[in-house]
Amino acid sequence: MSSPVSIYAATIPNAPAAPLKKSQSSTTITIKWSAQAANTNGGSTITDYKIYWDNGQANNFVLLAASTHPNFEHTVSSLTSGTYYNFKMSSVNVVGESLQSQITPILASSLPGIPGTPAKVTADSTSIKISWTAPTNTGGSGLLKYFVYVDGTKKQEI
């Protein structure tokens, strides 16, 4: 008489959610992700997460890292300021690798520097026209707008 055999069926996991931006500077990006839910793991524990990126090369994705990092995050450094980097990931269980997640684009940039001190150009009883110089450090991307404050209160977006 033979002993009973238990069979455990599993499949590859579902694609994980896209990674999220945790932080970025002009030369460093940190992405984060959450552990995959048990009902999407294909019936087997996730053993690895694979992170893919395009190295700023317009969606030509390559494997960046395989991670079981306990904080579910990964940092990439020595990046080119002002360049978009695209990230996506997959999850792995004993059966194999899932399909890849949606893409997360992140711009390697930081906050711009402080613009020059405003100077009065013209003024009358109801308005004032001011000018200033742009900051020398744009943070790695073009400036989108300025906020003008009067006595600590935002008055205008330019």
C-alpha atoms as a PDB file:
ATOM      1  CA  MET A   1       0.000   0.000   0.000  1.00  0.00           C
ATOM      2  CA  SER A   2       1.397   3.415  -0.949  1.00  0.00           C
ATOM      3  CA  SER A   3       1.425   6.525   1.180  1.00  0.00           C
ATOM      4  CA  PRO A   4      -0.874   9.439   0.306  1.00  0.00           C
ATOM      5  CA  VAL A   5       0.725  12.246  -1.721  1.00  0.00           C
ATOM      6  CA  SER A   6      -0.155  15.895  -1.343  1.00  0.00           C
ATOM      7  CA  ILE A   7      -0.043  18.050  -4.433  1.00  0.00           C
ATOM      8  CA  TYR A   8       0.294  21.789  -4.170  1.00  0.00           C
ATOM      9  CA  ALA A   9      -0.567  23.703  -7.329  1.00  0.00           C
ATOM     10  CA  ALA A  10       1.022  27.080  -8.003  1.00  0.00           C
ATOM     11  CA  THR A  11       1.437  29.407 -10.972  1.00  0.00           C
ATOM     12  CA  ILE A  12       3.584  32.424 -11.654  1.00  0.00           C
ATOM     13  CA  PRO A  13       2.521  35.478  -9.640  1.00  0.00           C
ATOM     14  CA  ASN A  14       0.403  38.290 -11.012  1.00  0.00           C
ATOM     15  CA  ALA A  15       2.344  41.367 -12.084  1.00  0.00           C
ATOM     16  CA  PRO A  16       3.104  43.539  -9.032  1.00  0.00           C
ATOM     17  CA  ALA A  17       1.998  47.143  -8.684  1.00  0.00           C
ATOM     18  CA  ALA A  18       4.328  49.676 -10.277  1.00  0.00           C
ATOM     19  CA  PRO A  19       7.157  50.918  -8.060  1.00  0.00           C
ATOM     20  CA  LEU A  20       6.702  54.323  -6.411  1.00  0.00           C
ATOM     21  CA  LYS A  21       9.140  57.203  -6.067  1.00  0.00           C
ATOM     22  CA  LYS A  22      10.345  57.446  -2.475  1.00  0.00           C
ATOM     23  CA  SER A  23      12.832  60.258  -3.052  1.00  0.00           C
ATOM     24  CA  GLN A  24      14.955  61.826  -5.724  1.00  0.00           C
ATOM     25  CA  SER A  25      17.735  64.341  -6.176  1.00  0.00           C
ATOM     26  CA  SER A  26      19.573  65.520  -9.252  1.00  0.00           C
ATOM     27  CA  THR A  27      21.796  62.400  -9.143  1.00  0.00           C
ATOM     28  CA  THR A  28      19.946  59.807  -7.010  1.00  0.00           C
ATOM     29  CA  ILE A  29      16.531  58.113  -7.161  1.00  0.00           C
ATOM     30  CA  THR A  30      15.053  55.773  -4.538  1.00  0.00           C
ATOM     31  CA  ILE A  31      12.044  53.663  -5.473  1.00  0.00           C
ATOM     32  CA  LYS A  32       9.859  51.688  -3.092  1.00  0.00           C
ATOM     33  CA  TRP A  33       7.224  48.989  -3.368  1.00  0.00           C
ATOM     34  CA  SER A  34       4.943  46.970  -1.148  1.00  0.00           C
ATOM     35  CA  ALA A  35       4.957  43.245  -0.562  1.00  0.00           C
ATOM     36  CA  GLN A  36       2.669  41.517  -3.007  1.00  0.00           C
ATOM     37  CA  ALA A  37      -0.688  40.387  -1.599  1.00  0.00           C
ATOM     38  CA  ALA A  38      -1.034  36.667  -0.891  1.00  0.00           C
ATOM     39  CA  ASN A  39      -3.998  36.345  -3.268  1.00  0.00           C
ATOM     40  CA  THR A  40      -1.803  37.545  -6.192  1.00  0.00           C
ATOM     41  CA  ASN A  41       1.330  35.486  -5.519  1.00  0.00           C
ATOM     42  CA  GLY A  42       0.308  32.503  -7.669  1.00  0.00           C
ATOM     43  CA  GLY A  43      -0.157  30.269  -4.644  1.00  0.00           C
ATOM     44  CA  SER A  44       3.492  30.413  -3.614  1.00  0.00           C
ATOM     45  CA  THR A  45       5.504  32.863  -1.518  1.00  0.00           C
ATOM     46  CA  ILE A  46       7.253  35.652  -3.423  1.00  0.00           C
ATOM     47  CA  THR A  47      10.993  34.999  -3.200  1.00  0.00           C
ATOM     48  CA  ASP A  48      12.313  37.966  -5.169  1.00  0.00           C
ATOM     49  CA  TYR A  49      11.410  41.230  -6.830  1.00  0.00           C
ATOM     50  CA  LYS A  50      13.206  42.132 -10.057  1.00  0.00           C
ATOM     51  CA  ILE A  51      13.663  45.798 -10.843  1.00  0.00           C
ATOM     52  CA  TYR A  52      14.073  46.897 -14.444  1.00  0.00           C
ATOM     53  CA  TRP A  53      15.052  50.329 -15.724  1.00  0.00           C
ATOM     54  CA  ASP A  54      15.907  52.028 -18.979  1.00  0.00           C
ATOM     55  CA  ASN A  55      19.028  53.847 -17.672  1.00  0.00           C
ATOM     56  CA  GLY A  56      17.578  57.019 -19.174  1.00  0.00           C
ATOM     57  CA  GLN A  57      17.644  55.412 -22.632  1.00  0.00           C
ATOM     58  CA  ALA A  58      14.002  55.804 -23.754  1.00  0.00           C
ATOM     59  CA  ASN A  59      12.345  52.577 -22.593  1.00  0.00           C
ATOM     60  CA  ASN A  60      15.166  50.161 -23.480  1.00  0.00           C
ATOM     61  CA  PHE A  61      14.707  48.162 -20.252  1.00  0.00           C
ATOM     62  CA  VAL A  62      17.387  46.028 -18.617  1.00  0.00           C
ATOM     63  CA  LEU A  63      17.547  44.254 -15.257  1.00  0.00           C
ATOM     64  CA  LEU A  64      18.775  46.688 -12.614  1.00  0.00           C
ATOM     65  CA  ALA A  65      18.583  44.481  -9.516  1.00  0.00           C
ATOM     66  CA  ALA A  66      16.901  41.516  -7.884  1.00  0.00           C
ATOM     67  CA  SER A  67      15.900  42.472  -4.375  1.00  0.00           C
ATOM     68  CA  THR A  68      14.486  40.935  -1.249  1.00  0.00           C
ATOM     69  CA  HIS A  69      15.381  44.136   0.642  1.00  0.00           C
ATOM     70  CA  PRO A  70      13.477  44.102   3.934  1.00  0.00           C
ATOM     71  CA  ASN A  71      12.409  47.734   3.453  1.00  0.00           C
ATOM     72  CA  PHE A  72      11.196  47.100  -0.101  1.00  0.00           C
ATOM     73  CA  GLU A  73      13.236  49.891  -1.636  1.00  0.00           C
ATOM     74  CA  HIS A  74      16.158  50.359  -3.983  1.00  0.00           C
ATOM     75  CA  THR A  75      18.427  53.362  -4.608  1.00  0.00           C
ATOM     76  CA  VAL A  76      20.189  54.205  -7.865  1.00  0.00           C
ATOM     77  CA  SER A  77      22.922  56.845  -7.850  1.00  0.00           C
ATOM     78  CA  SER A  78      25.346  58.565 -10.248  1.00  0.00           C
ATOM     79  CA  LEU A  79      22.428  59.623 -12.452  1.00  0.00           C
ATOM     80  CA  THR A  80      22.383  62.470 -14.970  1.00  0.00           C
ATOM     81  CA  SER A  81      20.502  65.514 -13.705  1.00  0.00           C
ATOM     82  CA  GLY A  82      17.501  66.467 -15.845  1.00  0.00           C
ATOM     83  CA  THR A  83      17.068  62.951 -17.272  1.00  0.00           C
ATOM     84  CA  TYR A  84      13.912  60.855 -16.952  1.00  0.00           C
ATOM     85  CA  TYR A  85      14.482  57.292 -15.766  1.00  0.00           C
ATOM     86  CA  ASN A  86      11.757  54.663 -16.168  1.00  0.00           C
ATOM     87  CA  PHE A  87      11.330  51.813 -13.696  1.00  0.00           C
ATOM     88  CA  LYS A  88       9.154  48.698 -13.640  1.00  0.00           C
ATOM     89  CA  MET A  89       9.282  45.438 -11.749  1.00  0.00           C
ATOM     90  CA  SER A  90       8.260  41.810 -11.630  1.00  0.00           C
ATOM     91  CA  SER A  91       7.878  39.307  -8.811  1.00  0.00           C
ATOM     92  CA  VAL A  92       9.246  35.770  -8.605  1.00  0.00           C
ATOM     93  CA  ASN A  93       8.002  32.643  -6.836  1.00  0.00           C
ATOM     94  CA  VAL A  94       9.073  28.971  -7.086  1.00  0.00           C
ATOM     95  CA  VAL A  95       7.260  28.622 -10.421  1.00  0.00           C
ATOM     96  CA  GLY A  96       8.822  31.618 -12.158  1.00  0.00           C
ATOM     97  CA  GLU A  97       8.738  35.329 -12.931  1.00  0.00           C
ATOM     98  CA  SER A  98       5.543  37.348 -13.308  1.00  0.00           C
ATOM     99  CA  LEU A  99       4.701  39.767 -16.075  1.00  0.00           C
ATOM    100  CA  GLN A 100       6.198  43.208 -15.526  1.00  0.00           C
ATOM    101  CA  SER A 101       4.388  46.066 -13.787  1.00  0.00           C
ATOM    102  CA  GLN A 102       3.381  49.356 -15.305  1.00  0.00           C
ATOM    103  CA  ILE A 103       6.195  51.888 -15.839  1.00  0.00           C
ATOM    104  CA  THR A 104       7.051  54.590 -13.306  1.00  0.00           C
ATOM    105  CA  PRO A 105       8.912  57.560 -14.842  1.00  0.00           C
ATOM    106  CA  ILE A 106      11.034  59.658 -12.448  1.00  0.00           C
ATOM    107  CA  LEU A 107      13.016  62.800 -13.272  1.00  0.00           C
ATOM    108  CA  ALA A 108      16.459  63.059 -11.675  1.00  0.00           C
ATOM    109  CA  SER A 109      16.132  66.558 -10.249  1.00  0.00           C
ATOM    110  CA  SER A 110      16.056  68.555  -7.061  1.00  0.00           C
ATOM    111  CA  LEU A 111      14.502  71.782  -5.871  1.00  0.00           C
ATOM    112  CA  PRO A 112      15.775  74.860  -7.691  1.00  0.00           C
ATOM    113  CA  GLY A 113      17.929  77.476  -6.015  1.00  0.00           C
ATOM    114  CA  ILE A 114      16.602  80.783  -4.720  1.00  0.00           C
ATOM    115  CA  PRO A 115      15.933  83.478  -7.326  1.00  0.00           C
ATOM    116  CA  GLY A 116      17.540  86.883  -7.012  1.00  0.00           C
ATOM    117  CA  THR A 117      16.077  89.531  -4.705  1.00  0.00           C
ATOM    118  CA  PRO A 118      13.107  91.291  -6.355  1.00  0.00           C
ATOM    119  CA  ALA A 119      13.702  94.864  -7.478  1.00  0.00           C
ATOM    120  CA  LYS A 120      11.054  97.510  -8.147  1.00  0.00           C
ATOM    121  CA  VAL A 121      10.709  98.407 -11.820  1.00  0.00           C
ATOM    122  CA  THR A 122       7.671 100.707 -11.597  1.00  0.00           C
ATOM    123  CA  ALA A 123       4.995 101.468  -9.029  1.00  0.00           C
ATOM    124  CA  ASP A 124       1.831 103.491  -8.670  1.00  0.00           C
ATOM    125  CA  SER A 125      -0.927 103.709  -6.067  1.00  0.00           C
ATOM    126  CA  THR A 126      -2.507 100.361  -7.046  1.00  0.00           C
ATOM    127  CA  SER A 127       0.278  98.150  -8.397  1.00  0.00           C
ATOM    128  CA  ILE A 128       3.971  97.458  -8.506  1.00  0.00           C
ATOM    129  CA  LYS A 129       6.061  95.853 -11.243  1.00  0.00           C
ATOM    130  CA  ILE A 130       9.092  93.892 -10.034  1.00  0.00           C
ATOM    131  CA  SER A 131      11.902  91.931 -11.661  1.00  0.00           C
ATOM    132  CA  TRP A 132      14.427  89.363 -10.438  1.00  0.00           C
ATOM    133  CA  THR A 133      17.096  87.075 -11.779  1.00  0.00           C
ATOM    134  CA  ALA A 134      16.509  83.377 -12.255  1.00  0.00           C
ATOM    135  CA  PRO A 135      18.290  81.006  -9.865  1.00  0.00           C
ATOM    136  CA  THR A 136      21.598  79.669 -11.161  1.00  0.00           C
ATOM    137  CA  ASN A 137      20.637  76.154 -10.004  1.00  0.00           C
ATOM    138  CA  THR A 138      17.433  74.955 -11.691  1.00  0.00           C
ATOM    139  CA  GLY A 139      17.500  71.594  -9.925  1.00  0.00           C
ATOM    140  CA  GLY A 140      18.138  69.689 -13.145  1.00  0.00           C
ATOM    141  CA  SER A 141      14.985  70.671 -15.013  1.00  0.00           C
ATOM    142  CA  GLY A 142      13.415  73.788 -16.456  1.00  0.00           C
ATOM    143  CA  LEU A 143      11.647  76.199 -14.126  1.00  0.00           C
ATOM    144  CA  LEU A 144       7.876  76.004 -14.509  1.00  0.00           C
ATOM    145  CA  LYS A 145       6.730  79.022 -12.518  1.00  0.00           C
ATOM    146  CA  TYR A 146       7.521  81.478  -9.769  1.00  0.00           C
ATOM    147  CA  PHE A 147       5.451  82.214  -6.664  1.00  0.00           C
ATOM    148  CA  VAL A 148       5.350  85.846  -5.557  1.00  0.00           C
ATOM    149  CA  TYR A 149       4.767  86.476  -1.845  1.00  0.00           C
ATOM    150  CA  VAL A 150       3.924  89.761  -0.143  1.00  0.00           C
ATOM    151  CA  ASP A 151       4.435  89.845   3.625  1.00  0.00           C
ATOM    152  CA  GLY A 152       4.491  86.023   3.714  1.00  0.00           C
ATOM    153  CA  THR A 153       1.254  85.559   1.745  1.00  0.00           C
ATOM    154  CA  LYS A 154       1.289  84.077  -1.750  1.00  0.00           C
ATOM    155  CA  LYS A 155      -0.153  86.696  -4.089  1.00  0.00           C
ATOM    156  CA  GLN A 156       0.692  85.504  -7.587  1.00  0.00           C
ATOM    157  CA  GLU A 157       1.926  82.549  -9.643  1.00  0.00           C
ATOM    158  CA  ILE A 158       3.944  83.560 -12.669  1.00  0.00           C
END
